[in-house]
Amino acid sequence: MKNEWQAGWKRGIAAALCGLMIFALGACGSDSGESGGTQEGKEFAGEEIAVLLPPWYEEGIAATIPEFEEATGIKVNLEILDWDPLRDRIVTACSSGKAPADVTEFSWDWVGNFGAAGWYAPLNDSLDDAFWADSMTKDTFKYGEDYLAVPIYNDFRLTYVNKADFTAAGIEAVPAGADEILEAARKIKASGVEEYPVALPLSAVAATTTPWFMLTKSYGGELFDENYQPLFLEKDSAGYRAMNWIMTGLSEGLIDPASLDYQGMDVVDRFKLGQGSIDIAGWAGNVTEYFNSEKSQISDSVEVIKVPGAEGVSRTYGLLEGVGIPAASEHKGAAAEFIKWINRPEFVESFFVDYGIFPSSQAVIDKLVGEGKIPGGEVVSEVLGTIEPLFPQGAPEWYGNWESETAAVMNQMAKGQLSLDAGLAAIADAAAKLQK
């Protein structure tokens, strides 16, 4: 992700080479103490770049733009879009040979498709060797020998609980198993402590799939075999049990019916207000939201735990995000300067502490844990070593479309328009059709 790169490799040579390497995204590196890597002069001053990102980056990125503009002379136009329209914008523009922006969001599951299409420029030379060595998740964005994006968000799943609700319901210890955590939710509801103990989204958006994917892992299984044949149709499979967990929670009134309209951020906002006892598939960066007394009404009672698993064995997975530069961008050098800027160690640290964007820099994580700036740091550190890819065999090129169809089907299931078996069959059928 973002960390101390010290490309302070003889500035005179770097300045001379930089003019020759603009085509390689302004490959001259910068010392981590410099202002965005343009100390020799504002070589891109006067240029204007567009930056396209999802909502969870808005505050932190917007806050640093004025300083970046002053330091580099580069004007930044920040555009924020929700996840699904953002991806549609990128795909539509790139497929027509146009740049959706000069710097864009780049999700872990786009690597295969975007790499094969040649839509994004390699970033190998945009940051120096020290940066790449320190980045925990860089290989997620590697296509062949090229890094198509720079990690920005080390997003993985944790579970958050409002411990006060468990205590009030007479539950002494938070369970370590998925079935047991659902039983705890029943006790919390029955006690009258919380009407809807389980917090998760169920609208027809990508965030809705995350709890199912995560619970499939936690039940000890995978979504597909090595040939991408579904593993969730049998009643004793992990995927079937995981979907049953969600739909049972809804049918028993453990999940708010309003969740049919919730997106991911809605869950976060409501959980901070004390609406819900269990954020089953919470974002790692939410430790800075839920434990912050200025942002959260449950800061004194929230606890982060490992994802409840089968027989107490916890598994989780990463949904990693980066930023990349479309090949069609006409401002690659200026765009690279912006990527350098938001990967300075001091910004990476503040991006997490102030805005909850969990770093991919091992050095920054170690510093934050050592200084006690990651609430539940001991648990988080333990979970870091257990993060798995969603697809051990590699994300298929059709994943994005399948995820969208899965979210739509889950929304139909939640509305009672499809049974559990019919919904899972429709999800399997969607995968089969996309593979043809």
Protein backbone atom coordinates (compact mmCIF):
# COMPACT_ATOMS: atom_id res chain seq x y z
CA MET A 1 0.00 0.00 0.00
CA LYS A 2 1.54 3.18 1.10
CA ASN A 3 4.81 3.40 2.89
CA GLU A 4 8.27 4.82 3.13
CA TRP A 5 9.75 4.85 -0.29
CA GLN A 6 13.01 6.69 -0.42
CA ALA A 7 13.80 7.02 -4.03
CA GLY A 8 16.27 9.67 -3.10
CA TRP A 9 18.63 8.15 -5.62
CA LYS A 10 20.94 10.97 -6.73
CA ARG A 11 18.59 13.74 -7.61
CA GLY A 12 20.62 15.09 -10.46
CA ILE A 13 20.47 11.75 -12.28
CA ALA A 14 16.80 11.33 -11.40
CA ALA A 15 15.95 14.74 -12.78
CA ALA A 16 17.73 13.99 -16.03
CA LEU A 17 16.13 10.62 -16.41
CA CYS A 18 12.67 11.83 -15.47
CA GLY A 19 12.22 13.77 -18.69
CA LEU A 20 12.95 10.59 -20.63
CA MET A 21 10.66 8.45 -18.53
CA ILE A 22 7.44 10.44 -18.33
CA PHE A 23 5.94 7.81 -20.60
CA ALA A 24 6.65 5.34 -17.75
CA LEU A 25 4.55 7.42 -15.36
CA GLY A 26 7.10 9.87 -13.99
CA ALA A 27 9.36 7.09 -12.85
CA CYS A 28 11.75 9.26 -10.88
CA GLY A 29 11.13 8.43 -7.22
CA SER A 30 11.05 10.71 -4.25
CA ASP A 31 12.36 10.65 -0.74
CA SER A 32 9.62 9.89 1.78
CA GLY A 33 10.22 13.25 3.41
CA GLU A 34 9.63 15.21 0.25
CA SER A 35 6.43 16.88 -0.84
CA GLY A 36 5.16 14.41 -3.42
CA GLY A 37 8.43 13.90 -5.20
CA THR A 38 8.79 17.18 -7.12
CA GLN A 39 11.46 18.95 -5.10
CA GLU A 40 13.61 19.59 -8.15
CA GLY A 41 10.81 21.76 -9.51
CA LYS A 42 7.13 21.61 -10.21
CA GLU A 43 7.62 19.82 -13.50
CA PHE A 44 3.91 19.09 -13.89
CA ALA A 45 2.71 22.47 -12.61
CA GLY A 46 -0.27 23.74 -14.52
CA GLU A 47 -1.55 20.28 -15.40
CA GLU A 48 -4.99 19.21 -14.25
CA ILE A 49 -5.91 15.65 -13.30
CA ALA A 50 -9.18 13.92 -12.55
CA VAL A 51 -9.34 11.43 -9.67
CA LEU A 52 -12.22 8.94 -9.48
CA LEU A 53 -12.80 7.13 -6.16
CA PRO A 54 -15.58 5.53 -4.05
CA PRO A 55 -17.17 7.34 -1.05
CA TRP A 56 -14.99 5.87 1.71
CA TYR A 57 -11.97 7.82 0.45
CA GLU A 58 -13.68 11.17 0.02
CA GLU A 59 -12.89 12.91 3.30
CA GLY A 60 -9.26 11.83 3.57
CA ILE A 61 -8.37 12.50 -0.06
CA ALA A 62 -10.24 15.81 -0.18
CA ALA A 63 -8.38 16.96 2.93
CA THR A 64 -4.93 16.42 1.38
CA ILE A 65 -5.65 17.85 -2.08
CA PRO A 66 -4.99 21.53 -1.21
CA GLU A 67 -1.56 20.68 0.19
CA PHE A 68 -0.76 18.54 -2.85
CA GLU A 69 -1.83 21.30 -5.23
CA GLU A 70 0.32 23.85 -3.44
CA ALA A 71 3.35 21.55 -3.38
CA THR A 72 3.15 20.42 -7.01
CA GLY A 73 1.17 23.02 -8.91
CA ILE A 74 -1.08 20.22 -10.17
CA LYS A 75 -4.82 20.84 -10.06
CA VAL A 76 -6.94 17.92 -8.83
CA ASN A 77 -10.60 17.37 -9.63
CA LEU A 78 -11.95 14.70 -7.29
CA GLU A 79 -15.08 12.80 -8.30
CA ILE A 80 -16.82 10.38 -5.95
CA LEU A 81 -19.16 7.64 -7.17
CA ASP A 82 -20.81 4.69 -5.43
CA TRP A 83 -19.21 1.36 -6.22
CA ASP A 84 -21.43 -0.01 -8.97
CA PRO A 85 -21.67 3.19 -11.07
CA LEU A 86 -17.94 3.76 -10.53
CA ARG A 87 -17.07 0.38 -12.03
CA ASP A 88 -19.53 0.95 -14.87
CA ARG A 89 -17.89 4.30 -15.63
CA ILE A 90 -14.42 2.74 -15.74
CA VAL A 91 -15.45 -0.20 -17.94
CA THR A 92 -17.46 1.97 -20.34
CA ALA A 93 -14.70 4.54 -20.78
CA CYS A 94 -11.80 2.11 -21.04
CA SER A 95 -13.58 -0.16 -23.49
CA SER A 96 -14.03 2.82 -25.80
CA GLY A 97 -10.36 3.81 -25.52
CA LYS A 98 -10.97 6.76 -23.21
CA ALA A 99 -9.71 7.50 -19.71
CA PRO A 100 -12.46 7.58 -17.05
CA ALA A 101 -10.05 9.74 -15.02
CA ASP A 102 -6.29 10.08 -14.62
CA VAL A 103 -6.25 8.20 -11.30
CA THR A 104 -8.98 5.71 -10.48
CA GLU A 105 -10.02 3.11 -7.98
CA PHE A 106 -8.72 -0.37 -8.89
CA SER A 107 -10.24 -3.41 -7.22
CA TRP A 108 -8.48 -6.74 -6.63
CA ASP A 109 -10.83 -8.58 -8.96
CA TRP A 110 -10.23 -6.32 -11.96
CA VAL A 111 -6.64 -7.41 -12.54
CA GLY A 112 -7.30 -10.24 -14.97
CA ASN A 113 -9.81 -8.45 -17.16
CA PHE A 114 -8.16 -5.05 -17.15
CA GLY A 115 -4.69 -6.52 -17.60
CA ALA A 116 -5.73 -8.62 -20.58
CA ALA A 117 -7.43 -5.62 -22.14
CA GLY A 118 -4.41 -3.35 -21.60
CA TRP A 119 -6.57 -0.71 -19.98
CA TYR A 120 -4.09 0.38 -17.27
CA ALA A 121 -0.48 1.54 -17.41
CA PRO A 122 2.23 -0.34 -15.44
CA LEU A 123 3.27 1.38 -12.21
CA ASN A 124 6.47 -0.59 -11.52
CA ASP A 125 8.71 2.47 -11.84
CA SER A 126 6.36 4.98 -10.22
CA LEU A 127 7.54 4.07 -6.72
CA ASP A 128 10.91 2.73 -5.66
CA ASP A 129 12.06 -0.69 -4.48
CA ALA A 130 11.73 0.21 -0.79
CA PHE A 131 8.05 0.94 -1.28
CA TRP A 132 7.34 -2.28 -3.13
CA ALA A 133 9.29 -4.35 -0.58
CA ASP A 134 7.23 -2.91 2.27
CA SER A 135 3.83 -3.24 0.60
CA MET A 136 2.04 -6.31 1.99
CA THR A 137 -0.54 -6.63 -0.78
CA LYS A 138 1.24 -5.48 -3.93
CA ASP A 139 1.09 -8.84 -5.69
CA THR A 140 -2.69 -8.67 -5.68
CA PHE A 141 -2.40 -6.08 -8.45
CA LYS A 142 0.27 -7.80 -10.50
CA TYR A 143 -0.52 -8.87 -14.05
CA GLY A 144 2.40 -10.73 -15.57
CA GLU A 145 5.38 -8.64 -14.50
CA ASP A 146 3.43 -5.38 -14.23
CA TYR A 147 1.81 -3.76 -11.23
CA LEU A 148 -1.41 -2.26 -12.57
CA ALA A 149 -2.28 -0.52 -9.32
CA VAL A 150 -0.69 0.66 -6.10
CA PRO A 151 -2.37 -0.71 -2.95
CA ILE A 152 -4.35 1.89 -1.04
CA TYR A 153 -6.76 -0.08 1.18
CA ASN A 154 -5.83 -3.32 2.92
CA ASP A 155 -9.47 -4.20 3.36
CA PHE A 156 -10.22 -7.48 5.09
CA ARG A 157 -13.11 -8.69 7.17
CA LEU A 158 -13.45 -8.73 10.94
CA THR A 159 -16.46 -9.09 13.23
CA TYR A 160 -17.48 -6.36 15.63
CA VAL A 161 -19.78 -6.86 18.60
CA ASN A 162 -21.44 -4.52 21.04
CA LYS A 163 -20.30 -6.34 24.17
CA ALA A 164 -22.79 -4.44 26.34
CA ASP A 165 -25.68 -6.10 24.49
CA PHE A 166 -24.21 -9.56 25.08
CA THR A 167 -23.76 -8.85 28.79
CA ALA A 168 -27.27 -7.42 29.13
CA ALA A 169 -28.67 -10.56 27.49
CA GLY A 170 -26.80 -12.76 29.99
CA ILE A 171 -24.14 -13.95 27.53
CA GLU A 172 -20.86 -14.01 29.41
CA ALA A 173 -18.50 -14.72 26.50
CA VAL A 174 -18.85 -13.88 22.81
CA PRO A 175 -19.01 -17.20 20.90
CA ALA A 176 -16.26 -18.19 18.49
CA GLY A 177 -18.51 -20.19 16.13
CA ALA A 178 -20.84 -19.00 13.37
CA ASP A 179 -23.83 -21.06 14.58
CA GLU A 180 -23.22 -19.99 18.16
CA ILE A 181 -23.07 -16.30 17.23
CA LEU A 182 -26.48 -16.67 15.55
CA GLU A 183 -27.84 -18.30 18.71
CA ALA A 184 -26.43 -15.40 20.71
CA ALA A 185 -28.31 -13.01 18.42
CA ARG A 186 -31.52 -14.90 19.24
CA LYS A 187 -30.89 -14.47 22.96
CA ILE A 188 -30.16 -10.76 22.54
CA LYS A 189 -33.41 -10.26 20.62
CA ALA A 190 -35.42 -12.31 23.12
CA SER A 191 -34.00 -10.26 26.00
CA GLY A 192 -35.31 -7.05 24.45
CA VAL A 193 -31.86 -5.49 24.43
CA GLU A 194 -31.76 -5.06 20.65
CA GLU A 195 -34.61 -5.67 18.21
CA TYR A 196 -32.35 -6.45 15.24
CA PRO A 197 -29.01 -7.78 16.56
CA VAL A 198 -27.33 -8.70 13.23
CA ALA A 199 -26.18 -5.86 10.98
CA LEU A 200 -25.60 -6.52 7.28
CA PRO A 201 -26.82 -5.17 3.90
CA LEU A 202 -29.29 -6.96 1.64
CA SER A 203 -29.88 -4.55 -1.24
CA ALA A 204 -28.95 -5.45 -4.82
CA VAL A 205 -25.40 -4.08 -4.54
CA ALA A 206 -21.97 -5.68 -4.27
CA ALA A 207 -21.71 -5.16 -0.49
CA THR A 208 -24.54 -7.64 0.02
CA THR A 209 -22.42 -10.55 -1.22
CA THR A 210 -19.64 -9.98 1.31
CA PRO A 211 -21.28 -11.59 4.38
CA TRP A 212 -22.15 -14.68 2.32
CA PHE A 213 -18.64 -14.98 0.93
CA MET A 214 -17.12 -14.47 4.36
CA LEU A 215 -19.44 -16.90 6.14
CA THR A 216 -18.69 -19.52 3.48
CA LYS A 217 -15.03 -19.20 4.45
CA SER A 218 -15.88 -19.24 8.14
CA TYR A 219 -17.82 -22.48 7.73
CA GLY A 220 -14.64 -23.98 6.31
CA GLY A 221 -15.45 -24.03 2.61
CA GLU A 222 -15.02 -22.31 -0.73
CA LEU A 223 -17.48 -20.97 -3.27
CA PHE A 224 -16.06 -22.92 -6.23
CA ASP A 225 -13.70 -25.78 -6.89
CA GLU A 226 -10.48 -25.40 -8.89
CA ASN A 227 -12.51 -25.56 -12.13
CA TYR A 228 -14.98 -22.92 -10.95
CA GLN A 229 -17.78 -25.39 -10.43
CA PRO A 230 -20.10 -24.30 -7.58
CA LEU A 231 -19.68 -25.86 -4.17
CA PHE A 232 -22.68 -24.25 -2.49
CA LEU A 233 -25.64 -26.30 -3.75
CA GLU A 234 -25.51 -29.23 -1.30
CA LYS A 235 -27.27 -28.66 2.01
CA ASP A 236 -24.24 -29.67 4.05
CA SER A 237 -21.84 -27.42 2.10
CA ALA A 238 -20.30 -24.33 3.66
CA GLY A 239 -21.84 -22.04 1.06
CA TYR A 240 -25.34 -23.42 1.61
CA ARG A 241 -25.01 -23.13 5.39
CA ALA A 242 -23.68 -19.60 5.05
CA MET A 243 -26.62 -18.44 2.92
CA ASN A 244 -29.01 -20.22 5.27
CA TRP A 245 -27.41 -18.31 8.17
CA ILE A 246 -28.25 -15.00 6.50
CA MET A 247 -31.77 -15.88 5.39
CA THR A 248 -32.57 -17.47 8.75
CA GLY A 249 -31.43 -14.30 10.47
CA LEU A 250 -33.79 -12.31 8.29
CA SER A 251 -36.77 -14.64 8.64
CA GLU A 252 -36.40 -14.74 12.43
CA GLY A 253 -36.26 -10.97 12.70
CA LEU A 254 -32.62 -10.89 13.76
CA ILE A 255 -31.82 -8.69 10.74
CA ASP A 256 -33.67 -5.44 10.15
CA PRO A 257 -36.07 -5.70 7.17
CA ALA A 258 -34.81 -2.23 6.22
CA SER A 259 -31.57 -3.98 5.28
CA LEU A 260 -33.16 -4.71 1.91
CA ASP A 261 -32.31 -1.12 1.08
CA TYR A 262 -28.99 -0.92 2.96
CA GLN A 263 -25.63 -0.44 1.32
CA GLY A 264 -22.33 -1.08 3.09
CA MET A 265 -21.96 2.38 4.59
CA ASP A 266 -25.50 2.26 5.97
CA VAL A 267 -24.51 -0.66 8.18
CA VAL A 268 -21.48 1.24 9.48
CA ASP A 269 -23.46 4.41 10.21
CA ARG A 270 -26.21 2.55 12.06
CA PHE A 271 -23.85 0.33 14.03
CA LYS A 272 -22.05 3.42 15.33
CA LEU A 273 -25.42 4.63 16.63
CA GLY A 274 -25.90 1.40 18.56
CA GLN A 275 -28.34 -0.10 16.06
CA GLY A 276 -27.27 -3.73 16.02
CA SER A 277 -25.20 -5.96 18.26
CA ILE A 278 -23.14 -7.84 15.65
CA ASP A 279 -21.48 -6.40 12.53
CA ILE A 280 -20.72 -9.84 11.19
CA ALA A 281 -18.61 -8.81 8.17
CA GLY A 282 -17.14 -5.49 9.22
CA TRP A 283 -14.36 -3.65 7.43
CA ALA A 284 -10.93 -3.68 9.07
CA GLY A 285 -10.76 0.11 9.00
CA ASN A 286 -13.90 0.40 11.09
CA VAL A 287 -11.80 0.09 14.23
CA THR A 288 -11.19 3.83 13.85
CA GLU A 289 -14.92 4.49 13.49
CA TYR A 290 -16.45 2.27 16.13
CA PHE A 291 -13.87 2.94 18.85
CA ASN A 292 -13.84 6.73 18.33
CA SER A 293 -16.00 8.47 20.94
CA GLU A 294 -16.42 11.47 18.66
CA LYS A 295 -17.91 9.32 15.91
CA SER A 296 -19.47 6.41 17.74
CA GLN A 297 -22.03 5.97 20.51
CA ILE A 298 -20.70 2.48 21.26
CA SER A 299 -17.02 3.34 21.63
CA ASP A 300 -16.94 2.11 25.23
CA SER A 301 -18.67 -1.19 24.54
CA VAL A 302 -17.59 -2.29 21.07
CA GLU A 303 -15.15 -5.17 20.71
CA VAL A 304 -13.38 -6.52 17.64
CA ILE A 305 -13.18 -10.31 17.33
CA LYS A 306 -11.97 -12.81 14.78
CA VAL A 307 -14.63 -13.92 12.32
CA PRO A 308 -16.69 -16.66 14.03
CA GLY A 309 -15.80 -19.92 12.33
CA ALA A 310 -16.65 -23.59 12.12
CA GLU A 311 -15.58 -25.40 15.29
CA GLY A 312 -13.98 -22.17 16.46
CA VAL A 313 -11.51 -21.98 13.55
CA SER A 314 -11.57 -18.46 12.12
CA ARG A 315 -11.01 -17.67 8.44
CA THR A 316 -11.31 -14.38 6.62
CA TYR A 317 -10.52 -12.93 3.23
CA GLY A 318 -9.35 -9.68 1.71
CA LEU A 319 -11.14 -7.28 -0.63
CA LEU A 320 -8.11 -5.25 -1.53
CA GLU A 321 -8.23 -1.91 -3.30
CA GLY A 322 -5.64 0.15 -5.11
CA VAL A 323 -5.33 3.15 -7.39
CA GLY A 324 -4.20 2.98 -10.99
CA ILE A 325 -3.65 5.13 -14.03
CA PRO A 326 -5.64 4.32 -17.19
CA ALA A 327 -3.48 3.78 -20.25
CA ALA A 328 -5.52 6.42 -22.07
CA SER A 329 -4.68 9.15 -19.52
CA GLU A 330 -2.94 12.15 -21.05
CA HIS A 331 -1.45 13.17 -17.69
CA LYS A 332 0.37 10.06 -16.51
CA GLY A 333 3.28 11.95 -14.97
CA ALA A 334 1.05 14.23 -12.92
CA ALA A 335 -1.14 11.28 -12.00
CA ALA A 336 1.92 9.38 -10.74
CA GLU A 337 2.83 12.37 -8.56
CA PHE A 338 -0.57 12.16 -6.92
CA ILE A 339 -0.17 8.44 -6.27
CA LYS A 340 3.22 9.11 -4.69
CA TRP A 341 1.68 11.79 -2.53
CA ILE A 342 -0.99 9.56 -1.02
CA ASN A 343 1.60 6.87 -0.36
CA ARG A 344 3.80 8.99 1.88
CA PRO A 345 4.07 7.27 5.30
CA GLU A 346 2.68 10.27 7.14
CA PHE A 347 -0.40 10.34 4.92
CA VAL A 348 -0.86 6.57 5.10
CA GLU A 349 -0.88 6.79 8.88
CA SER A 350 -3.34 9.68 9.03
CA PHE A 351 -5.52 8.03 6.38
CA PHE A 352 -6.01 5.18 8.82
CA VAL A 353 -6.13 7.05 12.13
CA ASP A 354 -8.47 9.78 10.91
CA TYR A 355 -10.46 7.99 8.20
CA GLY A 356 -10.17 4.24 8.78
CA ILE A 357 -8.37 3.25 5.57
CA PHE A 358 -6.31 0.30 6.76
CA PRO A 359 -2.71 0.39 5.46
CA SER A 360 -0.84 -2.16 3.40
CA SER A 361 2.51 -0.89 4.63
CA GLN A 362 4.06 -3.32 7.08
CA ALA A 363 6.20 -0.56 8.59
CA VAL A 364 3.20 1.70 9.19
CA ILE A 365 1.14 -1.15 10.66
CA ASP A 366 3.97 -2.07 13.03
CA LYS A 367 4.27 1.57 14.09
CA LEU A 368 0.53 1.93 14.68
CA VAL A 369 0.32 -1.28 16.70
CA GLY A 370 3.38 -0.32 18.72
CA GLU A 371 1.85 3.06 19.54
CA GLY A 372 -1.53 1.58 20.42
CA LYS A 373 -3.25 3.40 17.57
CA ILE A 374 -5.05 0.32 16.26
CA PRO A 375 -7.89 -0.52 18.67
CA GLY A 376 -7.96 -4.24 19.24
CA GLY A 377 -4.47 -4.30 17.77
CA GLU A 378 -3.63 -7.73 19.15
CA VAL A 379 -6.66 -9.30 17.44
CA VAL A 380 -6.10 -7.35 14.23
CA SER A 381 -2.44 -8.37 14.09
CA GLU A 382 -3.42 -12.02 14.54
CA VAL A 383 -6.02 -11.79 11.77
CA LEU A 384 -3.51 -10.20 9.38
CA GLY A 385 -1.67 -13.48 9.19
CA THR A 386 -4.81 -15.43 8.28
CA ILE A 387 -6.16 -13.36 5.36
CA GLU A 388 -6.92 -15.52 2.33
CA PRO A 389 -7.91 -14.67 -1.23
CA LEU A 390 -11.59 -15.17 -1.98
CA PHE A 391 -10.57 -17.51 -4.81
CA PRO A 392 -7.50 -19.64 -3.98
CA GLN A 393 -7.28 -20.57 -7.66
CA GLY A 394 -7.41 -16.91 -8.75
CA ALA A 395 -10.35 -14.63 -9.43
CA PRO A 396 -12.12 -15.54 -12.69
CA GLU A 397 -12.53 -12.90 -15.36
CA TRP A 398 -16.29 -13.08 -14.99
CA TYR A 399 -16.26 -12.42 -11.24
CA GLY A 400 -17.49 -8.82 -11.41
CA ASN A 401 -20.58 -9.69 -13.43
CA TRP A 402 -21.26 -12.74 -11.29
CA GLU A 403 -20.99 -10.71 -8.09
CA SER A 404 -23.56 -8.24 -9.43
CA GLU A 405 -25.95 -11.03 -10.37
CA THR A 406 -25.42 -12.70 -7.00
CA ALA A 407 -26.31 -9.50 -5.17
CA ALA A 408 -29.49 -9.15 -7.22
CA VAL A 409 -30.49 -12.75 -6.48
CA MET A 410 -29.78 -12.36 -2.76
CA ASN A 411 -32.00 -9.29 -2.72
CA GLN A 412 -34.77 -11.34 -4.35
CA MET A 413 -34.28 -14.08 -1.78
CA ALA A 414 -34.47 -11.54 1.03
CA LYS A 415 -37.74 -10.22 -0.41
CA GLY A 416 -39.18 -13.72 -0.44
CA GLN A 417 -39.29 -13.86 -4.23
CA LEU A 418 -36.92 -16.85 -4.35
CA SER A 419 -36.45 -19.72 -1.92
CA LEU A 420 -33.05 -20.58 -0.51
CA ASP A 421 -32.60 -23.51 -2.89
CA ALA A 422 -33.92 -21.63 -5.92
CA GLY A 423 -31.73 -18.63 -5.16
CA LEU A 424 -28.56 -20.68 -4.86
CA ALA A 425 -29.45 -22.53 -8.06
CA ALA A 426 -29.86 -19.17 -9.83
CA ILE A 427 -26.47 -18.02 -8.54
CA ALA A 428 -24.86 -21.24 -9.80
CA ASP A 429 -26.62 -20.88 -13.15
CA ALA A 430 -25.32 -17.32 -13.50
CA ALA A 431 -21.76 -18.55 -13.03
CA ALA A 432 -22.25 -21.31 -15.61
CA LYS A 433 -23.61 -18.88 -18.20
CA LEU A 434 -20.80 -16.40 -17.65
CA GLN A 435 -18.18 -19.11 -18.16
CA LYS A 436 -19.48 -20.02 -21.63
